[in-house]
Protein backbone atom coordinates (compact mmCIF):
# COMPACT_ATOMS: atom_id res chain seq x y z
CA UNK A 1 -201.64 -95.53 113.65
CA UNK A 2 -197.92 -95.43 114.91
CA UNK A 3 -197.10 -98.00 117.52
CA UNK A 4 -194.76 -95.89 119.05
CA UNK A 5 -197.11 -93.62 120.45
CA UNK A 6 -199.01 -94.31 123.73
CA UNK A 7 -202.42 -94.47 124.55
CA UNK A 8 -203.45 -91.18 124.86
CA UNK A 9 -206.57 -92.75 127.46
CA UNK A 10 -207.40 -90.02 129.83
CA UNK A 11 -206.12 -87.10 128.28
CA UNK A 12 -207.72 -83.77 127.34
CA UNK A 13 -205.82 -82.32 124.37
CA UNK A 14 -207.64 -78.49 123.05
CA UNK A 15 -207.30 -78.12 119.51
CA UNK A 16 -207.48 -74.07 118.53
CA UNK A 17 -209.14 -73.47 114.92
CA UNK A 18 -210.51 -77.11 115.02
CA UNK A 19 -212.96 -76.78 111.72
CA UNK A 20 -210.59 -76.59 109.13
CA UNK A 21 -208.68 -79.62 107.46
CA UNK A 22 -206.02 -79.91 109.63
CA UNK A 23 -208.22 -79.92 112.82
CA UNK A 24 -210.09 -82.38 111.48
CA UNK A 25 -207.13 -84.43 110.56
CA UNK A 26 -205.70 -84.01 114.38
CA UNK A 27 -209.28 -84.53 116.53
CA UNK A 28 -209.43 -87.63 114.25
CA UNK A 29 -206.25 -89.03 114.88
CA UNK A 30 -206.01 -87.54 118.60
CA UNK A 31 -209.34 -89.66 119.33
CA UNK A 32 -208.19 -92.94 117.85
CA UNK A 33 -205.39 -92.59 120.18
CA UNK A 34 -207.73 -92.39 123.37
CA UNK A 35 -207.84 -88.54 123.95
CA UNK A 36 -210.92 -86.73 124.23
CA UNK A 37 -210.40 -83.28 122.16
CA UNK A 38 -211.78 -80.47 122.87
CA UNK A 39 -212.36 -78.42 119.41
CA UNK A 40 -212.48 -74.74 119.62
CA UNK A 41 -213.72 -72.92 116.77
CA UNK A 42 -215.50 -69.32 115.81
CA UNK A 43 -218.57 -70.39 114.18
CA UNK A 44 -220.38 -73.33 115.90
CA UNK A 45 -222.14 -74.54 112.25
CA UNK A 46 -218.63 -75.13 111.30
CA UNK A 47 -217.43 -76.90 113.91
CA UNK A 48 -220.52 -79.37 113.68
CA UNK A 49 -220.50 -80.23 109.90
CA UNK A 50 -216.64 -80.70 110.55
CA UNK A 51 -216.50 -82.80 113.62
CA UNK A 52 -219.75 -84.06 113.97
CA UNK A 53 -219.27 -87.36 113.24
CA UNK A 54 -216.65 -87.63 115.49
CA UNK A 55 -217.35 -89.52 119.40
CA UNK A 56 -214.71 -87.94 122.01
CA UNK A 57 -215.06 -84.35 120.68
CA UNK A 58 -216.58 -81.51 122.81
CA UNK A 59 -217.09 -78.61 120.26
CA UNK A 60 -217.01 -75.33 121.88
CA UNK A 61 -217.47 -72.15 119.90
CA UNK A 62 -215.02 -68.99 121.19
CA UNK A 63 -213.36 -65.82 119.79
CA UNK A 64 -209.99 -66.86 120.33
CA UNK A 65 -208.99 -63.28 119.28
CA UNK A 66 -210.52 -62.62 122.67
CA UNK A 67 -208.31 -62.81 125.54
CA UNK A 68 -211.61 -62.80 128.00
CA UNK A 69 -213.59 -65.53 125.99
CA UNK A 70 -210.58 -67.87 125.84
CA UNK A 71 -209.84 -67.28 129.61
CA UNK A 72 -213.39 -68.12 130.16
CA UNK A 73 -213.52 -71.28 128.01
CA UNK A 74 -210.26 -72.47 129.90
CA UNK A 75 -211.71 -71.67 133.22
CA UNK A 76 -215.02 -73.46 131.89
CA UNK A 77 -212.58 -76.94 130.91
CA UNK A 78 -211.01 -76.72 134.25
CA UNK A 79 -214.35 -77.82 135.61
CA UNK A 80 -215.27 -79.99 132.94
CA UNK A 81 -212.18 -82.01 133.14
CA UNK A 82 -209.42 -83.27 135.24
CA UNK A 83 -206.82 -82.03 133.10
CA UNK A 84 -205.48 -80.27 129.99
CA UNK A 85 -202.77 -81.74 128.63
CA UNK A 86 -202.53 -80.59 125.17
CA UNK A 87 -203.03 -77.35 122.94
CA UNK A 88 -202.66 -77.36 119.55
CA UNK A 89 -203.00 -74.56 117.78
CA UNK A 90 -204.29 -74.55 114.15
CA UNK A 91 -205.41 -70.97 113.75
CA UNK A 92 -203.57 -69.01 111.19
CA UNK A 93 -204.05 -68.15 107.49
CA UNK A 94 -202.58 -67.00 104.89
CA UNK A 95 -202.39 -63.59 102.81
CA UNK A 96 -199.66 -62.60 100.43
CA UNK A 97 -198.78 -58.88 99.00
CA UNK A 98 -197.19 -56.92 96.13
CA UNK A 99 -193.68 -56.80 97.26
CA UNK A 100 -192.95 -54.83 100.19
CA UNK A 101 -194.98 -51.55 99.90
CA UNK A 102 -197.83 -53.59 98.84
CA UNK A 103 -197.82 -55.72 102.25
CA UNK A 104 -201.53 -53.69 103.04
CA UNK A 105 -202.45 -53.28 107.02
CA UNK A 106 -205.59 -54.60 106.57
CA UNK A 107 -203.47 -57.86 105.86
CA UNK A 108 -200.48 -57.95 108.16
CA UNK A 109 -203.71 -56.89 111.27
CA UNK A 110 -205.66 -59.76 110.00
CA UNK A 111 -202.43 -62.21 110.12
CA UNK A 112 -201.40 -60.64 113.71
CA UNK A 113 -204.62 -60.77 114.98
CA UNK A 114 -205.21 -65.10 113.98
CA UNK A 115 -201.43 -66.02 114.08
CA UNK A 116 -200.22 -64.32 116.88
CA UNK A 117 -202.88 -62.68 119.42
CA UNK A 118 -204.75 -66.13 119.22
CA UNK A 119 -201.16 -68.01 119.92
CA UNK A 120 -200.44 -65.28 122.75
CA UNK A 121 -204.57 -65.74 124.27
CA UNK A 122 -204.77 -69.68 124.28
CA UNK A 123 -200.74 -70.41 125.21
CA UNK A 124 -201.18 -67.93 128.46
CA UNK A 125 -204.84 -69.47 129.25
CA UNK A 126 -203.86 -72.98 129.49
CA UNK A 127 -200.04 -72.47 130.36
CA UNK A 128 -200.89 -73.45 134.24
CA UNK A 129 -202.60 -76.72 133.11
CA UNK A 130 -200.01 -77.99 130.25
CA UNK A 131 -197.42 -77.06 133.32
CA UNK A 132 -199.33 -79.01 135.39
CA UNK A 133 -200.03 -81.97 133.36
CA UNK A 134 -197.48 -85.19 133.29
CA UNK A 135 -197.85 -84.97 129.34
CA UNK A 136 -198.26 -80.96 128.50
CA UNK A 137 -197.35 -80.08 125.11
CA UNK A 138 -197.89 -77.09 123.24
CA UNK A 139 -197.33 -77.20 119.07
CA UNK A 140 -197.57 -74.92 116.47
CA UNK A 141 -197.60 -75.04 112.98
CA UNK A 142 -194.75 -72.22 111.49
CA UNK A 143 -193.56 -72.06 107.55
CA UNK A 144 -190.63 -72.32 105.79
CA UNK A 145 -191.04 -69.10 104.47
CA UNK A 146 -189.44 -67.61 108.21
CA UNK A 147 -186.21 -69.45 107.01
CA UNK A 148 -186.23 -67.96 103.46
CA UNK A 149 -188.76 -64.92 103.74
CA UNK A 150 -189.61 -63.48 100.34
CA UNK A 151 -190.71 -59.93 99.81
CA UNK A 152 -194.19 -61.36 98.70
CA UNK A 153 -194.91 -62.96 102.08
CA UNK A 154 -193.31 -60.61 104.30
CA UNK A 155 -196.30 -59.93 106.26
CA UNK A 156 -196.86 -63.58 106.39
CA UNK A 157 -193.35 -64.53 107.75
CA UNK A 158 -192.77 -62.22 110.02
CA UNK A 159 -196.00 -63.11 112.13
CA UNK A 160 -194.54 -66.80 112.06
CA UNK A 161 -191.31 -65.30 112.77
CA UNK A 162 -193.19 -63.77 115.99
CA UNK A 163 -195.17 -67.19 116.74
CA UNK A 164 -192.20 -68.88 116.78
CA UNK A 165 -190.79 -67.08 119.54
CA UNK A 166 -193.58 -66.81 121.47
CA UNK A 167 -193.40 -70.25 121.65
CA UNK A 168 -189.74 -70.83 122.25
CA UNK A 169 -190.32 -68.27 125.17
CA UNK A 170 -193.13 -70.50 126.58
CA UNK A 171 -190.56 -73.44 126.11
CA UNK A 172 -188.08 -71.65 128.48
CA UNK A 173 -190.76 -71.07 130.60
CA UNK A 174 -192.30 -74.66 131.11
CA UNK A 175 -188.16 -75.66 131.46
CA UNK A 176 -187.90 -72.56 134.25
CA UNK A 177 -190.93 -72.89 136.01
CA UNK A 178 -190.87 -76.93 136.35
CA UNK A 179 -187.24 -76.78 137.48
CA UNK A 180 -187.90 -74.09 140.09
CA UNK A 181 -189.47 -76.36 142.43
CA UNK A 182 -186.17 -77.92 142.94
CA UNK A 183 -188.04 -81.08 144.32
CA UNK A 184 -185.90 -82.88 141.19
CA UNK A 185 -189.00 -83.88 139.13
CA UNK A 186 -188.46 -84.42 135.22
CA UNK A 187 -189.12 -81.79 132.78
CA UNK A 188 -192.75 -82.86 131.42
CA UNK A 189 -194.21 -80.37 129.44
CA UNK A 190 -193.22 -78.91 125.98
CA UNK A 191 -193.65 -76.30 123.97
CA UNK A 192 -192.85 -77.56 120.12
CA UNK A 193 -192.94 -76.02 116.78
CA UNK A 194 -193.48 -78.01 113.38
CA UNK A 195 -192.58 -76.36 110.36
CA UNK A 196 -194.18 -77.06 106.96
CA UNK A 197 -194.02 -75.42 103.45
CA UNK A 198 -197.48 -75.78 102.88
CA UNK A 199 -200.45 -78.12 104.11
CA UNK A 200 -202.28 -80.46 101.96
CA UNK A 201 -205.48 -82.31 102.22
CA UNK A 202 -207.88 -84.27 99.99
CA UNK A 203 -209.95 -81.81 98.65
CA UNK A 204 -207.38 -79.17 97.47
CA UNK A 205 -206.16 -82.58 95.72
CA UNK A 206 -208.88 -83.17 94.17
CA UNK A 207 -209.58 -79.84 92.75
CA UNK A 208 -205.98 -79.57 91.33
CA UNK A 209 -205.24 -83.28 90.29
CA UNK A 210 -203.27 -81.80 87.78
CA UNK A 211 -200.51 -80.73 90.71
CA UNK A 212 -198.14 -82.57 91.91
CA UNK A 213 -197.49 -80.13 95.12
CA UNK A 214 -193.87 -80.79 95.65
CA UNK A 215 -193.01 -80.28 99.57
CA UNK A 216 -196.48 -79.67 100.68
CA UNK A 217 -197.56 -81.76 103.92
CA UNK A 218 -200.91 -83.39 103.99
CA UNK A 219 -202.64 -82.73 107.30
CA UNK A 220 -202.62 -86.43 108.16
CA UNK A 221 -199.06 -86.37 108.23
CA UNK A 222 -199.23 -82.92 110.69
CA UNK A 223 -201.74 -84.88 113.08
CA UNK A 224 -198.84 -88.09 113.12
CA UNK A 225 -196.33 -85.52 114.03
CA UNK A 226 -198.51 -84.40 116.61
CA UNK A 227 -199.22 -87.50 118.16
CA UNK A 228 -195.72 -88.36 118.25
CA UNK A 229 -194.94 -85.45 120.52
CA UNK A 230 -196.60 -87.64 123.29
CA UNK A 231 -194.05 -90.72 122.59
CA UNK A 232 -190.95 -88.20 123.04
CA UNK A 233 -189.45 -87.02 126.15
CA UNK A 234 -190.57 -83.79 127.09
CA UNK A 235 -187.08 -82.34 127.40
CA UNK A 236 -186.17 -83.11 123.76
CA UNK A 237 -188.73 -81.69 121.96
CA UNK A 238 -189.35 -78.47 123.96
CA UNK A 239 -188.64 -75.63 122.31
CA UNK A 240 -187.49 -77.38 118.97
CA UNK A 241 -188.66 -76.91 115.54
CA UNK A 242 -189.52 -79.63 113.67
CA UNK A 243 -189.33 -79.55 110.01
CA UNK A 244 -191.92 -81.90 108.24
CA UNK A 245 -191.30 -80.82 104.81
CA UNK A 246 -189.99 -78.19 102.60
């Protein structure tokens, strides 16, 4: 563990899309630092299989593409916990295509729903609690494809670019709304973009032992980057794009 990261005792961090390898890595590390993790996912069985072995993880089923369902979860958490101090958005997925004319509507719609709609829903639902927290953090995972889009991944890169834009807008909202009170209080909430080429986990590495995975970011490294957001001054990371690999 990173000695620079403060204890997260008493903090509640929501991990959206928690049943995947990156969600397990983030939940594991955040709880080791003392946080309570609220793991959001669409399937109770997958949440249990992925996270049932961890203490301090509150598993909740929610269709994150459904704004009413997300709002209901946010309302429930406001009653169940004294604060919400983080939203780690790990919902997404990857779909490629056959050049520009091969970018199908079905692929684009799926990418948009999972990569952008879920971000809009969760960031709006948890915006006020994150703003009110003394250490509110919103983090998304984006892709180096935004910098170097190709025809084969046009839909994927476009949705990731939109998600980055939304996150920077949230960052501006945090900055403006915290300063609006004009009471000299420092900015304490931050929205940050973590950029990877692709994510790697132990299962993928074991499945392809012949591959080297150059430029990939292991999910444990992603989890470390998430935890380190709590060690950073909010103003220094708000709206920033932190490249982890690529």
